[in-house]
C-alpha atoms as a PDB file:
ATOM      1  CA  UNK A   1      11.687 -47.910  28.886  1.00  0.00           C
ATOM      2  CA  UNK A   2      11.514 -47.368  25.113  1.00  0.00           C
ATOM      3  CA  UNK A   3       7.773 -48.096  25.170  1.00  0.00           C
ATOM      4  CA  UNK A   4       7.250 -45.544  27.944  1.00  0.00           C
ATOM      5  CA  UNK A   5       9.186 -42.849  26.043  1.00  0.00           C
ATOM      6  CA  UNK A   6       7.329 -43.693  22.825  1.00  0.00           C
ATOM      7  CA  UNK A   7       3.978 -43.533  24.647  1.00  0.00           C
ATOM      8  CA  UNK A   8       4.951 -40.173  26.177  1.00  0.00           C
ATOM      9  CA  UNK A   9       5.955 -38.745  22.784  1.00  0.00           C
ATOM     10  CA  UNK A  10       2.763 -40.044  21.188  1.00  0.00           C
ATOM     11  CA  UNK A  11       0.693 -38.587  24.030  1.00  0.00           C
ATOM     12  CA  UNK A  12       2.333 -35.177  23.665  1.00  0.00           C
ATOM     13  CA  UNK A  13       1.842 -35.278  19.878  1.00  0.00           C
ATOM     14  CA  UNK A  14      -1.852 -36.083  20.294  1.00  0.00           C
ATOM     15  CA  UNK A  15      -2.272 -33.383  22.925  1.00  0.00           C
ATOM     16  CA  UNK A  16      -0.660 -30.802  20.648  1.00  0.00           C
ATOM     17  CA  UNK A  17      -2.714 -31.940  17.642  1.00  0.00           C
ATOM     18  CA  UNK A  18      -6.036 -31.899  19.501  1.00  0.00           C
ATOM     19  CA  UNK A  19      -5.097 -28.719  21.348  1.00  0.00           C
ATOM     20  CA  UNK A  20      -4.472 -26.946  18.032  1.00  0.00           C
ATOM     21  CA  UNK A  21      -7.741 -28.275  16.653  1.00  0.00           C
ATOM     22  CA  UNK A  22      -9.595 -27.009  19.708  1.00  0.00           C
ATOM     23  CA  UNK A  23      -8.022 -23.586  19.271  1.00  0.00           C
ATOM     24  CA  UNK A  24      -9.018 -23.585  15.594  1.00  0.00           C
ATOM     25  CA  UNK A  25     -12.696 -24.056  16.515  1.00  0.00           C
ATOM     26  CA  UNK A  26     -14.842 -21.007  15.903  1.00  0.00           C
ATOM     27  CA  UNK A  27     -17.722 -20.289  18.280  1.00  0.00           C
ATOM     28  CA  UNK A  28     -21.148 -20.821  16.647  1.00  0.00           C
ATOM     29  CA  UNK A  29     -21.956 -17.163  17.225  1.00  0.00           C
ATOM     30  CA  UNK A  30     -20.050 -14.139  18.382  1.00  0.00           C
ATOM     31  CA  UNK A  31     -19.113 -10.509  18.112  1.00  0.00           C
ATOM     32  CA  UNK A  32     -17.023  -8.837  15.441  1.00  0.00           C
ATOM     33  CA  UNK A  33     -14.955  -5.769  16.360  1.00  0.00           C
ATOM     34  CA  UNK A  34     -12.153  -4.703  14.033  1.00  0.00           C
ATOM     35  CA  UNK A  35     -10.480  -2.152  11.786  1.00  0.00           C
ATOM     36  CA  UNK A  36     -10.141  -2.479   8.011  1.00  0.00           C
ATOM     37  CA  UNK A  37      -7.230  -0.611   6.362  1.00  0.00           C
ATOM     38  CA  UNK A  38      -7.183  -0.425   2.573  1.00  0.00           C
ATOM     39  CA  UNK A  39      -6.116   1.180  -0.648  1.00  0.00           C
ATOM     40  CA  UNK A  40      -7.912   1.269  -3.937  1.00  0.00           C
ATOM     41  CA  UNK A  41      -8.284   2.538  -7.455  1.00  0.00           C
ATOM     42  CA  UNK A  42     -11.375   3.988  -9.089  1.00  0.00           C
ATOM     43  CA  UNK A  43     -12.930   5.011 -12.383  1.00  0.00           C
ATOM     44  CA  UNK A  44     -15.388   7.861 -12.692  1.00  0.00           C
ATOM     45  CA  UNK A  45     -17.947   8.916 -15.267  1.00  0.00           C
ATOM     46  CA  UNK A  46     -18.604  12.638 -14.934  1.00  0.00           C
ATOM     47  CA  UNK A  47     -22.262  13.557 -15.424  1.00  0.00           C
ATOM     48  CA  UNK A  48     -22.272  17.349 -15.708  1.00  0.00           C
ATOM     49  CA  UNK A  49     -21.065  19.634 -12.943  1.00  0.00           C
ATOM     50  CA  UNK A  50     -22.838  18.061  -9.975  1.00  0.00           C
ATOM     51  CA  UNK A  51     -22.929  14.290 -10.603  1.00  0.00           C
ATOM     52  CA  UNK A  52     -20.566  11.434 -11.168  1.00  0.00           C
ATOM     53  CA  UNK A  53     -20.731   7.671 -11.190  1.00  0.00           C
ATOM     54  CA  UNK A  54     -17.816   5.818  -9.596  1.00  0.00           C
ATOM     55  CA  UNK A  55     -16.675   2.206  -9.625  1.00  0.00           C
ATOM     56  CA  UNK A  56     -13.760   1.048  -7.519  1.00  0.00           C
ATOM     57  CA  UNK A  57     -11.700  -1.870  -6.263  1.00  0.00           C
ATOM     58  CA  UNK A  58     -10.084  -1.996  -2.837  1.00  0.00           C
ATOM     59  CA  UNK A  59      -7.695  -4.425  -1.166  1.00  0.00           C
ATOM     60  CA  UNK A  60      -6.463  -4.411   2.386  1.00  0.00           C
ATOM     61  CA  UNK A  61      -6.128  -6.042   5.766  1.00  0.00           C
ATOM     62  CA  UNK A  62      -8.352  -6.493   8.800  1.00  0.00           C
ATOM     63  CA  UNK A  63      -6.979  -6.094  12.312  1.00  0.00           C
ATOM     64  CA  UNK A  64      -9.201  -7.368  15.103  1.00  0.00           C
ATOM     65  CA  UNK A  65      -9.595  -5.373  18.295  1.00  0.00           C
ATOM     66  CA  UNK A  66      -8.433  -8.663  19.848  1.00  0.00           C
ATOM     67  CA  UNK A  67      -6.612 -11.625  18.321  1.00  0.00           C
ATOM     68  CA  UNK A  68      -9.807 -13.650  18.878  1.00  0.00           C
ATOM     69  CA  UNK A  69     -11.745 -11.565  16.339  1.00  0.00           C
ATOM     70  CA  UNK A  70     -13.181 -13.759  13.566  1.00  0.00           C
ATOM     71  CA  UNK A  71     -11.259 -11.828  10.880  1.00  0.00           C
ATOM     72  CA  UNK A  72      -8.099 -10.831  12.771  1.00  0.00           C
ATOM     73  CA  UNK A  73      -5.167 -10.722  10.309  1.00  0.00           C
ATOM     74  CA  UNK A  74      -7.412 -11.455   7.317  1.00  0.00           C
ATOM     75  CA  UNK A  75      -6.978  -9.874   3.888  1.00  0.00           C
ATOM     76  CA  UNK A  76      -9.852  -8.697   1.712  1.00  0.00           C
ATOM     77  CA  UNK A  77     -10.843  -7.530  -1.753  1.00  0.00           C
ATOM     78  CA  UNK A  78     -13.982  -5.523  -2.564  1.00  0.00           C
ATOM     79  CA  UNK A  79     -15.647  -4.199  -5.709  1.00  0.00           C
ATOM     80  CA  UNK A  80     -18.106  -1.333  -5.366  1.00  0.00           C
ATOM     81  CA  UNK A  81     -19.986   1.511  -6.969  1.00  0.00           C
ATOM     82  CA  UNK A  82     -21.537   4.800  -5.913  1.00  0.00           C
ATOM     83  CA  UNK A  83     -23.442   7.675  -7.484  1.00  0.00           C
ATOM     84  CA  UNK A  84     -22.279  11.058  -6.187  1.00  0.00           C
ATOM     85  CA  UNK A  85     -24.388  14.231  -6.237  1.00  0.00           C
ATOM     86  CA  UNK A  86     -22.801  17.513  -5.070  1.00  0.00           C
ATOM     87  CA  UNK A  87     -20.037  15.565  -3.297  1.00  0.00           C
ATOM     88  CA  UNK A  88     -22.334  13.273  -1.315  1.00  0.00           C
ATOM     89  CA  UNK A  89     -23.588   9.736  -1.887  1.00  0.00           C
ATOM     90  CA  UNK A  90     -26.287   7.606  -0.291  1.00  0.00           C
ATOM     91  CA  UNK A  91     -26.539   4.621  -2.634  1.00  0.00           C
ATOM     92  CA  UNK A  92     -23.109   2.983  -2.479  1.00  0.00           C
ATOM     93  CA  UNK A  93     -23.063  -0.799  -2.719  1.00  0.00           C
ATOM     94  CA  UNK A  94     -20.449  -3.485  -3.114  1.00  0.00           C
ATOM     95  CA  UNK A  95     -19.229  -7.002  -2.494  1.00  0.00           C
ATOM     96  CA  UNK A  96     -16.208  -8.352  -0.572  1.00  0.00           C
ATOM     97  CA  UNK A  97     -14.283 -11.574  -0.108  1.00  0.00           C
ATOM     98  CA  UNK A  98     -12.324 -11.777   3.164  1.00  0.00           C
ATOM     99  CA  UNK A  99      -9.628 -14.451   3.442  1.00  0.00           C
ATOM    100  CA  UNK A 100      -8.439 -15.611   6.863  1.00  0.00           C
ATOM    101  CA  UNK A 101      -4.917 -16.874   7.584  1.00  0.00           C
ATOM    102  CA  UNK A 102      -6.220 -20.470   7.485  1.00  0.00           C
ATOM    103  CA  UNK A 103      -7.557 -19.887   3.938  1.00  0.00           C
ATOM    104  CA  UNK A 104     -11.245 -19.916   4.891  1.00  0.00           C
ATOM    105  CA  UNK A 105     -13.237 -17.118   3.282  1.00  0.00           C
ATOM    106  CA  UNK A 106     -16.194 -14.968   4.278  1.00  0.00           C
ATOM    107  CA  UNK A 107     -18.409 -13.211   1.719  1.00  0.00           C
ATOM    108  CA  UNK A 108     -20.325 -10.006   2.337  1.00  0.00           C
ATOM    109  CA  UNK A 109     -22.316  -7.277   0.668  1.00  0.00           C
ATOM    110  CA  UNK A 110     -22.445  -3.691   1.849  1.00  0.00           C
ATOM    111  CA  UNK A 111     -24.299  -0.419   1.474  1.00  0.00           C
ATOM    112  CA  UNK A 112     -22.890   2.978   2.292  1.00  0.00           C
ATOM    113  CA  UNK A 113     -23.476   6.711   2.477  1.00  0.00           C
ATOM    114  CA  UNK A 114     -21.183   9.659   3.065  1.00  0.00           C
ATOM    115  CA  UNK A 115     -19.286  12.645   1.763  1.00  0.00           C
ATOM    116  CA  UNK A 116     -16.538  12.226  -0.817  1.00  0.00           C
ATOM    117  CA  UNK A 117     -13.003  12.388   0.559  1.00  0.00           C
ATOM    118  CA  UNK A 118     -14.039  12.758   4.189  1.00  0.00           C
ATOM    119  CA  UNK A 119     -16.168  10.114   5.902  1.00  0.00           C
ATOM    120  CA  UNK A 120     -18.809   7.495   5.383  1.00  0.00           C
ATOM    121  CA  UNK A 121     -21.046   4.947   7.056  1.00  0.00           C
ATOM    122  CA  UNK A 122     -21.277   1.357   5.908  1.00  0.00           C
ATOM    123  CA  UNK A 123     -23.632  -1.498   6.754  1.00  0.00           C
ATOM    124  CA  UNK A 124     -22.372  -5.005   5.919  1.00  0.00           C
ATOM    125  CA  UNK A 125     -24.389  -8.178   5.482  1.00  0.00           C
ATOM    126  CA  UNK A 126     -22.447 -11.449   5.788  1.00  0.00           C
ATOM    127  CA  UNK A 127     -23.861 -13.799   3.147  1.00  0.00           C
ATOM    128  CA  UNK A 128     -21.694 -16.938   3.364  1.00  0.00           C
ATOM    129  CA  UNK A 129     -18.256 -18.456   3.481  1.00  0.00           C
ATOM    130  CA  UNK A 130     -16.042 -21.476   2.936  1.00  0.00           C
ATOM    131  CA  UNK A 131     -14.416 -24.059   5.220  1.00  0.00           C
ATOM    132  CA  UNK A 132     -15.157 -23.352   8.884  1.00  0.00           C
ATOM    133  CA  UNK A 133     -17.136 -20.275   7.764  1.00  0.00           C
ATOM    134  CA  UNK A 134     -19.529 -22.198   5.478  1.00  0.00           C
ATOM    135  CA  UNK A 135     -23.091 -21.000   6.056  1.00  0.00           C
ATOM    136  CA  UNK A 136     -22.064 -17.964   8.126  1.00  0.00           C
ATOM    137  CA  UNK A 137     -24.579 -15.122   8.420  1.00  0.00           C
ATOM    138  CA  UNK A 138     -24.420 -11.787  10.203  1.00  0.00           C
ATOM    139  CA  UNK A 139     -24.068  -8.037   9.940  1.00  0.00           C
ATOM    140  CA  UNK A 140     -21.848  -5.172  11.009  1.00  0.00           C
ATOM    141  CA  UNK A 141     -21.742  -1.374  10.923  1.00  0.00           C
ATOM    142  CA  UNK A 142     -18.634   0.675  10.177  1.00  0.00           C
ATOM    143  CA  UNK A 143     -17.542   4.298  10.146  1.00  0.00           C
ATOM    144  CA  UNK A 144     -15.000   5.144   7.427  1.00  0.00           C
ATOM    145  CA  UNK A 145     -12.201   7.671   7.555  1.00  0.00           C
ATOM    146  CA  UNK A 146     -10.433   8.871   4.424  1.00  0.00           C
ATOM    147  CA  UNK A 147      -6.816   9.969   4.428  1.00  0.00           C
ATOM    148  CA  UNK A 148      -4.739  11.854   1.867  1.00  0.00           C
ATOM    149  CA  UNK A 149      -3.948   9.548  -1.099  1.00  0.00           C
ATOM    150  CA  UNK A 150      -0.324   8.683  -1.820  1.00  0.00           C
ATOM    151  CA  UNK A 151      -0.736   8.754  -5.607  1.00  0.00           C
ATOM    152  CA  UNK A 152      -3.135  10.295  -8.085  1.00  0.00           C
ATOM    153  CA  UNK A 153      -5.946   7.946  -9.085  1.00  0.00           C
ATOM    154  CA  UNK A 154      -5.812   6.030  -5.784  1.00  0.00           C
ATOM    155  CA  UNK A 155      -7.376   6.365  -2.375  1.00  0.00           C
ATOM    156  CA  UNK A 156      -6.513   5.100   1.083  1.00  0.00           C
ATOM    157  CA  UNK A 157      -8.841   4.758   4.042  1.00  0.00           C
ATOM    158  CA  UNK A 158      -9.692   2.796   7.127  1.00  0.00           C
ATOM    159  CA  UNK A 159     -12.908   1.895   8.866  1.00  0.00           C
ATOM    160  CA  UNK A 160     -13.764   0.799  12.368  1.00  0.00           C
ATOM    161  CA  UNK A 161     -16.817  -1.186  13.270  1.00  0.00           C
ATOM    162  CA  UNK A 162     -18.698  -3.841  15.184  1.00  0.00           C
ATOM    163  CA  UNK A 163     -21.184  -6.544  14.398  1.00  0.00           C
ATOM    164  CA  UNK A 164     -22.174 -10.147  15.033  1.00  0.00           C
ATOM    165  CA  UNK A 165     -22.177 -13.469  13.218  1.00  0.00           C
ATOM    166  CA  UNK A 166     -23.820 -16.889  13.443  1.00  0.00           C
ATOM    167  CA  UNK A 167     -22.655 -20.215  12.056  1.00  0.00           C
ATOM    168  CA  UNK A 168     -25.049 -23.099  11.341  1.00  0.00           C
END
């Protein structure tokens, strides 16, 4: 009887362990559909009346449209820059590290264009990752929405977008 109970417990433990591992598997390719919410700080260099150069750092969270999204509940940090002329920019670029709950990271670059304080478009290129995301490639497009900042010298925003990825 003890052997039967022990075998049952061991079987359940193995089922749970392999079941969790199966759930942790990431499909080799798939869709991305999520919202990024963030806050940041910036520095500007005024260049006369019509131009300014801006550098910034943002940190935030990613909420997948479903819990199966590759980056659902991930955090991220980005560094970027843009040159603004008469309130608009078309040469923004930056770099991000996204960290999933399991600790695996995804790296991306982005380019953007838009109007200061209102909206923007962003194109991301996924350039690599760590752990289960090692070798990941892909791209995504986002629309940004700015909201009123809570403190001077900061900004808050969110962006919604879709894309795709491939793992080796």
